[in-house]
Amino acid sequence: MLRYVLEIVPPEIDIMVKEARKINGVLSSRMTGCGFGGSTISLIKEEAIYTFVEQMSEIYEFETDVKNSFYIANIGDEVFKLYELE
């Protein structure tokens, strides 16, 4: 609805969701928030987290010329921001 009816999903979000779904180990990805920028949330197998962050960082920066931020959460654990890959 947000994309087609209200037309408030920016192209950057579409890029993130489309490309995330191509990565092995990603179970789901979608926009979160109410559009006009927003974020995506992706459900990823634990063994694919660093691959996901690495690939999505490259893709997003190439497509938008902007560096992206990633927050990783486990069910029941604290959320932390992943600043750089080791």
PDB file of N, CA and C in Angstrom:
ATOM      1  N   MET A   1       0.809  -1.187   0.000  1.00  0.00           N
ATOM      2  CA  MET A   1       0.000   0.000   0.000  1.00  0.00           C
ATOM      3  C   MET A   1       0.859   1.261   0.000  1.00  0.00           C
ATOM      4  N   LEU A   2       1.882   1.311   0.845  1.00  0.00           N
ATOM      5  CA  LEU A   2       2.702   2.521   0.915  1.00  0.00           C
ATOM      6  C   LEU A   2       3.340   2.856  -0.431  1.00  0.00           C
ATOM      7  N   ARG A   3       3.801   1.830  -1.141  1.00  0.00           N
ATOM      8  CA  ARG A   3       4.458   2.076  -2.423  1.00  0.00           C
ATOM      9  C   ARG A   3       3.456   2.471  -3.501  1.00  0.00           C
ATOM     10  N   TYR A   4       2.373   1.713  -3.623  1.00  0.00           N
ATOM     11  CA  TYR A   4       1.483   1.884  -4.766  1.00  0.00           C
ATOM     12  C   TYR A   4       0.381   2.922  -4.544  1.00  0.00           C
ATOM     13  N   VAL A   5      -0.158   3.000  -3.374  1.00  0.00           N
ATOM     14  CA  VAL A   5      -1.269   3.918  -3.131  1.00  0.00           C
ATOM     15  C   VAL A   5      -0.763   5.294  -2.709  1.00  0.00           C
ATOM     16  N   LEU A   6       0.098   5.321  -1.689  1.00  0.00           N
ATOM     17  CA  LEU A   6       0.575   6.599  -1.165  1.00  0.00           C
ATOM     18  C   LEU A   6       1.845   7.096  -1.844  1.00  0.00           C
ATOM     19  N   GLU A   7       2.531   6.203  -2.546  1.00  0.00           N
ATOM     20  CA  GLU A   7       3.762   6.526  -3.283  1.00  0.00           C
ATOM     21  C   GLU A   7       4.798   7.220  -2.397  1.00  0.00           C
ATOM     22  N   ILE A   8       5.056   6.625  -1.208  1.00  0.00           N
ATOM     23  CA  ILE A   8       6.010   7.243  -0.280  1.00  0.00           C
ATOM     24  C   ILE A   8       7.230   6.368  -0.008  1.00  0.00           C
ATOM     25  N   VAL A   9       7.423   5.325  -0.796  1.00  0.00           N
ATOM     26  CA  VAL A   9       8.599   4.472  -0.625  1.00  0.00           C
ATOM     27  C   VAL A   9       9.707   4.982  -1.544  1.00  0.00           C
ATOM     28  N   PRO A  10      10.802   5.473  -0.972  1.00  0.00           N
ATOM     29  CA  PRO A  10      11.879   5.995  -1.810  1.00  0.00           C
ATOM     30  C   PRO A  10      12.618   4.873  -2.541  1.00  0.00           C
ATOM     31  N   PRO A  11      13.258   5.195  -3.659  1.00  0.00           N
ATOM     32  CA  PRO A  11      13.968   4.181  -4.443  1.00  0.00           C
ATOM     33  C   PRO A  11      15.050   3.470  -3.646  1.00  0.00           C
ATOM     34  N   GLU A  12      15.675   4.151  -2.688  1.00  0.00           N
ATOM     35  CA  GLU A  12      16.728   3.523  -1.881  1.00  0.00           C
ATOM     36  C   GLU A  12      16.197   2.327  -1.088  1.00  0.00           C
ATOM     37  N   ILE A  13      14.984   2.450  -0.606  1.00  0.00           N
ATOM     38  CA  ILE A  13      14.373   1.354   0.146  1.00  0.00           C
ATOM     39  C   ILE A  13      14.081   0.187  -0.792  1.00  0.00           C
ATOM     40  N   ASP A  14      13.573   0.475  -1.967  1.00  0.00           N
ATOM     41  CA  ASP A  14      13.325  -0.585  -2.944  1.00  0.00           C
ATOM     42  C   ASP A  14      14.626  -1.312  -3.297  1.00  0.00           C
ATOM     43  N   ILE A  15      15.707  -0.574  -3.449  1.00  0.00           N
ATOM     44  CA  ILE A  15      17.012  -1.177  -3.753  1.00  0.00           C
ATOM     45  C   ILE A  15      17.419  -2.123  -2.624  1.00  0.00           C
ATOM     46  N   MET A  16      17.316  -1.638  -1.384  1.00  0.00           N
ATOM     47  CA  MET A  16      17.722  -2.449  -0.234  1.00  0.00           C
ATOM     48  C   MET A  16      16.928  -3.751  -0.156  1.00  0.00           C
ATOM     49  N   VAL A  17      15.634  -3.671  -0.292  1.00  0.00           N
ATOM     50  CA  VAL A  17      14.792  -4.870  -0.181  1.00  0.00           C
ATOM     51  C   VAL A  17      15.065  -5.819  -1.341  1.00  0.00           C
ATOM     52  N   LYS A  18      15.095  -5.292  -2.541  1.00  0.00           N
ATOM     53  CA  LYS A  18      15.317  -6.126  -3.729  1.00  0.00           C
ATOM     54  C   LYS A  18      16.657  -6.847  -3.653  1.00  0.00           C
ATOM     55  N   GLU A  19      17.704  -6.131  -3.318  1.00  0.00           N
ATOM     56  CA  GLU A  19      19.041  -6.728  -3.268  1.00  0.00           C
ATOM     57  C   GLU A  19      19.202  -7.657  -2.063  1.00  0.00           C
ATOM     58  N   ALA A  20      18.598  -7.322  -0.944  1.00  0.00           N
ATOM     59  CA  ALA A  20      18.693  -8.177   0.245  1.00  0.00           C
ATOM     60  C   ALA A  20      18.106  -9.553  -0.043  1.00  0.00           C
ATOM     61  N   ARG A  21      16.999  -9.589  -0.723  1.00  0.00           N
ATOM     62  CA  ARG A  21      16.322 -10.865  -1.006  1.00  0.00           C
ATOM     63  C   ARG A  21      17.135 -11.771  -1.925  1.00  0.00           C
ATOM     64  N   LYS A  22      18.124 -11.245  -2.586  1.00  0.00           N
ATOM     65  CA  LYS A  22      18.979 -12.046  -3.470  1.00  0.00           C
ATOM     66  C   LYS A  22      20.108 -12.756  -2.714  1.00  0.00           C
ATOM     67  N   ILE A  23      20.372 -12.336  -1.487  1.00  0.00           N
ATOM     68  CA  ILE A  23      21.520 -12.856  -0.739  1.00  0.00           C
ATOM     69  C   ILE A  23      21.145 -14.161  -0.053  1.00  0.00           C
ATOM     70  N   ASN A  24      22.002 -15.145  -0.231  1.00  0.00           N
ATOM     71  CA  ASN A  24      21.798 -16.446   0.377  1.00  0.00           C
ATOM     72  C   ASN A  24      21.788 -16.307   1.901  1.00  0.00           C
ATOM     73  N   GLY A  25      20.781 -16.836   2.554  1.00  0.00           N
ATOM     74  CA  GLY A  25      20.669 -16.737   3.997  1.00  0.00           C
ATOM     75  C   GLY A  25      19.676 -15.688   4.456  1.00  0.00           C
ATOM     76  N   VAL A  26      19.194 -14.862   3.537  1.00  0.00           N
ATOM     77  CA  VAL A  26      18.164 -13.872   3.884  1.00  0.00           C
ATOM     78  C   VAL A  26      16.803 -14.546   3.735  1.00  0.00           C
ATOM     79  N   LEU A  27      16.057 -14.571   4.829  1.00  0.00           N
ATOM     80  CA  LEU A  27      14.744 -15.216   4.823  1.00  0.00           C
ATOM     81  C   LEU A  27      13.644 -14.258   4.401  1.00  0.00           C
ATOM     82  N   SER A  28      13.827 -12.970   4.726  1.00  0.00           N
ATOM     83  CA  SER A  28      12.825 -11.968   4.394  1.00  0.00           C
ATOM     84  C   SER A  28      13.431 -10.578   4.532  1.00  0.00           C
ATOM     85  N   SER A  29      12.884  -9.627   3.807  1.00  0.00           N
ATOM     86  CA  SER A  29      13.315  -8.237   3.922  1.00  0.00           C
ATOM     87  C   SER A  29      12.163  -7.344   3.495  1.00  0.00           C
ATOM     88  N   ARG A  30      11.998  -6.225   4.213  1.00  0.00           N
ATOM     89  CA  ARG A  30      10.920  -5.294   3.874  1.00  0.00           C
ATOM     90  C   ARG A  30      11.202  -3.925   4.473  1.00  0.00           C
ATOM     91  N   MET A  31      10.442  -2.951   4.018  1.00  0.00           N
ATOM     92  CA  MET A  31      10.539  -1.605   4.577  1.00  0.00           C
ATOM     93  C   MET A  31       9.918  -1.607   5.967  1.00  0.00           C
ATOM     94  N   THR A  32      10.453  -0.776   6.841  1.00  0.00           N
ATOM     95  CA  THR A  32       9.842  -0.570   8.144  1.00  0.00           C
ATOM     96  C   THR A  32       9.713   0.934   8.367  1.00  0.00           C
ATOM     97  N   GLY A  33       8.797   1.333   9.173  1.00  0.00           N
ATOM     98  CA  GLY A  33       8.536   2.755   9.339  1.00  0.00           C
ATOM     99  C   GLY A  33       7.390   3.157   8.433  1.00  0.00           C
ATOM    100  N   CYS A  34       7.282   4.435   8.171  1.00  0.00           N
ATOM    101  CA  CYS A  34       6.122   4.898   7.399  1.00  0.00           C
ATOM    102  C   CYS A  34       6.529   5.575   6.094  1.00  0.00           C
ATOM    103  N   GLY A  35       7.661   5.188   5.534  1.00  0.00           N
ATOM    104  CA  GLY A  35       8.052   5.757   4.253  1.00  0.00           C
ATOM    105  C   GLY A  35       8.815   7.054   4.419  1.00  0.00           C
ATOM    106  N   PHE A  36       8.970   7.768   3.331  1.00  0.00           N
ATOM    107  CA  PHE A  36       9.701   9.037   3.305  1.00  0.00           C
ATOM    108  C   PHE A  36      11.115   8.875   3.861  1.00  0.00           C
ATOM    109  N   GLY A  37      11.789   7.830   3.483  1.00  0.00           N
ATOM    110  CA  GLY A  37      13.142   7.564   3.986  1.00  0.00           C
ATOM    111  C   GLY A  37      13.154   6.212   4.623  1.00  0.00           C
ATOM    112  N   GLY A  38      12.922   6.170   5.910  1.00  0.00           N
ATOM    113  CA  GLY A  38      12.726   4.918   6.601  1.00  0.00           C
ATOM    114  C   GLY A  38      13.916   3.979   6.601  1.00  0.00           C
ATOM    115  N   SER A  39      13.631   2.746   6.887  1.00  0.00           N
ATOM    116  CA  SER A  39      14.640   1.708   7.028  1.00  0.00           C
ATOM    117  C   SER A  39      14.075   0.419   6.476  1.00  0.00           C
ATOM    118  N   THR A  40      14.939  -0.567   6.399  1.00  0.00           N
ATOM    119  CA  THR A  40      14.472  -1.907   6.093  1.00  0.00           C
ATOM    120  C   THR A  40      14.789  -2.791   7.276  1.00  0.00           C
ATOM    121  N   ILE A  41      14.063  -3.874   7.376  1.00  0.00           N
ATOM    122  CA  ILE A  41      14.346  -4.900   8.374  1.00  0.00           C
ATOM    123  C   ILE A  41      14.431  -6.219   7.623  1.00  0.00           C
ATOM    124  N   SER A  42      15.468  -6.969   7.950  1.00  0.00           N
ATOM    125  CA  SER A  42      15.688  -8.235   7.263  1.00  0.00           C
ATOM    126  C   SER A  42      15.874  -9.343   8.280  1.00  0.00           C
ATOM    127  N   LEU A  43      15.281 -10.474   8.007  1.00  0.00           N
ATOM    128  CA  LEU A  43      15.443 -11.663   8.821  1.00  0.00           C
ATOM    129  C   LEU A  43      16.503 -12.515   8.132  1.00  0.00           C
ATOM    130  N   ILE A  44      17.619 -12.724   8.846  1.00  0.00           N
ATOM    131  CA  ILE A  44      18.794 -13.337   8.230  1.00  0.00           C
ATOM    132  C   ILE A  44      19.289 -14.485   9.089  1.00  0.00           C
ATOM    133  N   LYS A  45      19.679 -15.577   8.460  1.00  0.00           N
ATOM    134  CA  LYS A  45      20.306 -16.670   9.199  1.00  0.00           C
ATOM    135  C   LYS A  45      21.604 -16.154   9.811  1.00  0.00           C
ATOM    136  N   GLU A  46      21.895 -16.602  11.025  1.00  0.00           N
ATOM    137  CA  GLU A  46      23.050 -16.089  11.761  1.00  0.00           C
ATOM    138  C   GLU A  46      24.352 -16.203  10.971  1.00  0.00           C
ATOM    139  N   GLU A  47      24.536 -17.299  10.274  1.00  0.00           N
ATOM    140  CA  GLU A  47      25.787 -17.501   9.534  1.00  0.00           C
ATOM    141  C   GLU A  47      25.916 -16.576   8.315  1.00  0.00           C
ATOM    142  N   ALA A  48      24.854 -15.877   7.952  1.00  0.00           N
ATOM    143  CA  ALA A  48      24.882 -15.001   6.775  1.00  0.00           C
ATOM    144  C   ALA A  48      24.967 -13.517   7.130  1.00  0.00           C
ATOM    145  N   ILE A  49      25.025 -13.181   8.424  1.00  0.00           N
ATOM    146  CA  ILE A  49      24.971 -11.772   8.831  1.00  0.00           C
ATOM    147  C   ILE A  49      26.104 -10.952   8.223  1.00  0.00           C
ATOM    148  N   TYR A  50      27.339 -11.398   8.380  1.00  0.00           N
ATOM    149  CA  TYR A  50      28.456 -10.590   7.896  1.00  0.00           C
ATOM    150  C   TYR A  50      28.498 -10.519   6.375  1.00  0.00           C
ATOM    151  N   THR A  51      28.099 -11.595   5.708  1.00  0.00           N
ATOM    152  CA  THR A  51      27.997 -11.564   4.244  1.00  0.00           C
ATOM    153  C   THR A  51      26.948 -10.539   3.825  1.00  0.00           C
ATOM    154  N   PHE A  52      25.822 -10.548   4.513  1.00  0.00           N
ATOM    155  CA  PHE A  52      24.748  -9.605   4.219  1.00  0.00           C
ATOM    156  C   PHE A  52      25.232  -8.160   4.369  1.00  0.00           C
ATOM    157  N   VAL A  53      25.838  -7.856   5.501  1.00  0.00           N
ATOM    158  CA  VAL A  53      26.302  -6.489   5.764  1.00  0.00           C
ATOM    159  C   VAL A  53      27.334  -6.066   4.733  1.00  0.00           C
ATOM    160  N   GLU A  54      28.254  -6.942   4.432  1.00  0.00           N
ATOM    161  CA  GLU A  54      29.311  -6.641   3.463  1.00  0.00           C
ATOM    162  C   GLU A  54      28.719  -6.341   2.084  1.00  0.00           C
ATOM    163  N   GLN A  55      27.870  -7.243   1.608  1.00  0.00           N
ATOM    164  CA  GLN A  55      27.287  -7.081   0.273  1.00  0.00           C
ATOM    165  C   GLN A  55      26.342  -5.885   0.205  1.00  0.00           C
ATOM    166  N   MET A  56      25.503  -5.723   1.209  1.00  0.00           N
ATOM    167  CA  MET A  56      24.547  -4.618   1.183  1.00  0.00           C
ATOM    168  C   MET A  56      25.255  -3.271   1.308  1.00  0.00           C
ATOM    169  N   SER A  57      26.334  -3.216   2.067  1.00  0.00           N
ATOM    170  CA  SER A  57      27.111  -1.971   2.162  1.00  0.00           C
ATOM    171  C   SER A  57      27.633  -1.558   0.796  1.00  0.00           C
ATOM    172  N   GLU A  58      28.213  -2.516   0.092  1.00  0.00           N
ATOM    173  CA  GLU A  58      28.761  -2.231  -1.242  1.00  0.00           C
ATOM    174  C   GLU A  58      27.666  -1.814  -2.222  1.00  0.00           C
ATOM    175  N   ILE A  59      26.591  -2.574  -2.250  1.00  0.00           N
ATOM    176  CA  ILE A  59      25.497  -2.294  -3.185  1.00  0.00           C
ATOM    177  C   ILE A  59      24.884  -0.927  -2.914  1.00  0.00           C
ATOM    178  N   TYR A  60      24.569  -0.656  -1.653  1.00  0.00           N
ATOM    179  CA  TYR A  60      23.897   0.591  -1.302  1.00  0.00           C
ATOM    180  C   TYR A  60      24.779   1.794  -1.614  1.00  0.00           C
ATOM    181  N   GLU A  61      26.059   1.711  -1.257  1.00  0.00           N
ATOM    182  CA  GLU A  61      26.954   2.835  -1.526  1.00  0.00           C
ATOM    183  C   GLU A  61      27.127   3.047  -3.030  1.00  0.00           C
ATOM    184  N   PHE A  62      27.209   1.958  -3.786  1.00  0.00           N
ATOM    185  CA  PHE A  62      27.332   2.074  -5.247  1.00  0.00           C
ATOM    186  C   PHE A  62      26.083   2.724  -5.846  1.00  0.00           C
ATOM    187  N   GLU A  63      24.911   2.299  -5.392  1.00  0.00           N
ATOM    188  CA  GLU A  63      23.651   2.783  -5.960  1.00  0.00           C
ATOM    189  C   GLU A  63      23.289   4.199  -5.515  1.00  0.00           C
ATOM    190  N   THR A  64      23.692   4.593  -4.301  1.00  0.00           N
ATOM    191  CA  THR A  64      23.206   5.857  -3.743  1.00  0.00           C
ATOM    192  C   THR A  64      24.297   6.868  -3.410  1.00  0.00           C
ATOM    193  N   ASP A  65      25.551   6.434  -3.391  1.00  0.00           N
ATOM    194  CA  ASP A  65      26.670   7.281  -2.987  1.00  0.00           C
ATOM    195  C   ASP A  65      26.599   7.663  -1.503  1.00  0.00           C
ATOM    196  N   VAL A  66      25.938   6.842  -0.707  1.00  0.00           N
ATOM    197  CA  VAL A  66      25.774   7.074   0.729  1.00  0.00           C
ATOM    198  C   VAL A  66      26.176   5.802   1.470  1.00  0.00           C
ATOM    199  N   LYS A  67      26.916   5.981   2.584  1.00  0.00           N
ATOM    200  CA  LYS A  67      27.241   4.820   3.417  1.00  0.00           C
ATOM    201  C   LYS A  67      26.038   4.468   4.278  1.00  0.00           C
ATOM    202  N   ASN A  68      25.839   3.179   4.469  1.00  0.00           N
ATOM    203  CA  ASN A  68      24.682   2.700   5.204  1.00  0.00           C
ATOM    204  C   ASN A  68      25.071   2.290   6.614  1.00  0.00           C
ATOM    205  N   SER A  69      24.112   2.226   7.517  1.00  0.00           N
ATOM    206  CA  SER A  69      24.315   1.735   8.882  1.00  0.00           C
ATOM    207  C   SER A  69      23.497   0.470   9.074  1.00  0.00           C
ATOM    208  N   PHE A  70      24.021  -0.437   9.868  1.00  0.00           N
ATOM    209  CA  PHE A  70      23.327  -1.684  10.136  1.00  0.00           C
ATOM    210  C   PHE A  70      23.233  -1.897  11.637  1.00  0.00           C
ATOM    211  N   TYR A  71      22.084  -2.329  12.093  1.00  0.00           N
ATOM    212  CA  TYR A  71      21.858  -2.685  13.488  1.00  0.00           C
ATOM    213  C   TYR A  71      21.492  -4.161  13.517  1.00  0.00           C
ATOM    214  N   ILE A  72      22.148  -4.909  14.374  1.00  0.00           N
ATOM    215  CA  ILE A  72      21.921  -6.343  14.441  1.00  0.00           C
ATOM    216  C   ILE A  72      21.297  -6.680  15.788  1.00  0.00           C
ATOM    217  N   ALA A  73      20.240  -7.477  15.759  1.00  0.00           N
ATOM    218  CA  ALA A  73      19.554  -7.863  16.998  1.00  0.00           C
ATOM    219  C   ALA A  73      19.296  -9.362  16.997  1.00  0.00           C
ATOM    220  N   ASN A  74      19.410  -9.934  18.155  1.00  0.00           N
ATOM    221  CA  ASN A  74      18.993 -11.312  18.379  1.00  0.00           C
ATOM    222  C   ASN A  74      17.759 -11.277  19.252  1.00  0.00           C
ATOM    223  N   ILE A  75      16.913 -12.254  19.114  1.00  0.00           N
ATOM    224  CA  ILE A  75      15.723 -12.310  19.947  1.00  0.00           C
ATOM    225  C   ILE A  75      16.159 -12.405  21.404  1.00  0.00           C
ATOM    226  N   GLY A  76      15.731 -11.445  22.218  1.00  0.00           N
ATOM    227  CA  GLY A  76      16.040 -11.445  23.633  1.00  0.00           C
ATOM    228  C   GLY A  76      17.348 -10.766  23.986  1.00  0.00           C
ATOM    229  N   ASP A  77      18.159 -10.396  23.007  1.00  0.00           N
ATOM    230  CA  ASP A  77      19.423  -9.720  23.273  1.00  0.00           C
ATOM    231  C   ASP A  77      19.298  -8.238  22.999  1.00  0.00           C
ATOM    232  N   GLU A  78      20.325  -7.504  23.365  1.00  0.00           N
ATOM    233  CA  GLU A  78      20.372  -6.085  23.049  1.00  0.00           C
ATOM    234  C   GLU A  78      20.664  -5.891  21.566  1.00  0.00           C
ATOM    235  N   VAL A  79      20.279  -4.747  21.052  1.00  0.00           N
ATOM    236  CA  VAL A  79      20.592  -4.374  19.677  1.00  0.00           C
ATOM    237  C   VAL A  79      21.925  -3.642  19.703  1.00  0.00           C
ATOM    238  N   PHE A  80      22.769  -3.897  18.706  1.00  0.00           N
ATOM    239  CA  PHE A  80      24.014  -3.152  18.618  1.00  0.00           C
ATOM    240  C   PHE A  80      24.233  -2.683  17.199  1.00  0.00           C
ATOM    241  N   LYS A  81      24.956  -1.598  17.068  1.00  0.00           N
ATOM    242  CA  LYS A  81      25.249  -1.036  15.759  1.00  0.00           C
ATOM    243  C   LYS A  81      26.570  -1.608  15.279  1.00  0.00           C
ATOM    244  N   LEU A  82      26.575  -2.101  14.070  1.00  0.00           N
ATOM    245  CA  LEU A  82      27.781  -2.640  13.472  1.00  0.00           C
ATOM    246  C   LEU A  82      28.444  -1.530  12.681  1.00  0.00           C
ATOM    247  N   TYR A  83      29.525  -0.995  13.207  1.00  0.00           N
ATOM    248  CA  TYR A  83      30.184   0.151  12.567  1.00  0.00           C
ATOM    249  C   TYR A  83      31.071  -0.283  11.419  1.00  0.00           C
ATOM    250  N   GLU A  84      31.850  -1.315  11.609  1.00  0.00           N
ATOM    251  CA  GLU A  84      32.703  -1.778  10.528  1.00  0.00           C
ATOM    252  C   GLU A  84      32.929  -3.271  10.667  1.00  0.00           C
ATOM    253  N   LEU A  85      33.169  -3.899   9.565  1.00  0.00           N
ATOM    254  CA  LEU A  85      33.408  -5.344   9.567  1.00  0.00           C
ATOM    255  C   LEU A  85      34.832  -5.628  10.018  1.00  0.00           C
ATOM    256  N   GLU A  86      34.994  -6.734  10.721  1.00  0.00           N
ATOM    257  CA  GLU A  86      36.332  -7.133  11.147  1.00  0.00           C
ATOM    258  C   GLU A  86      36.940  -8.056  10.132  1.00  0.00           C
TER     259      GLU A  86
END
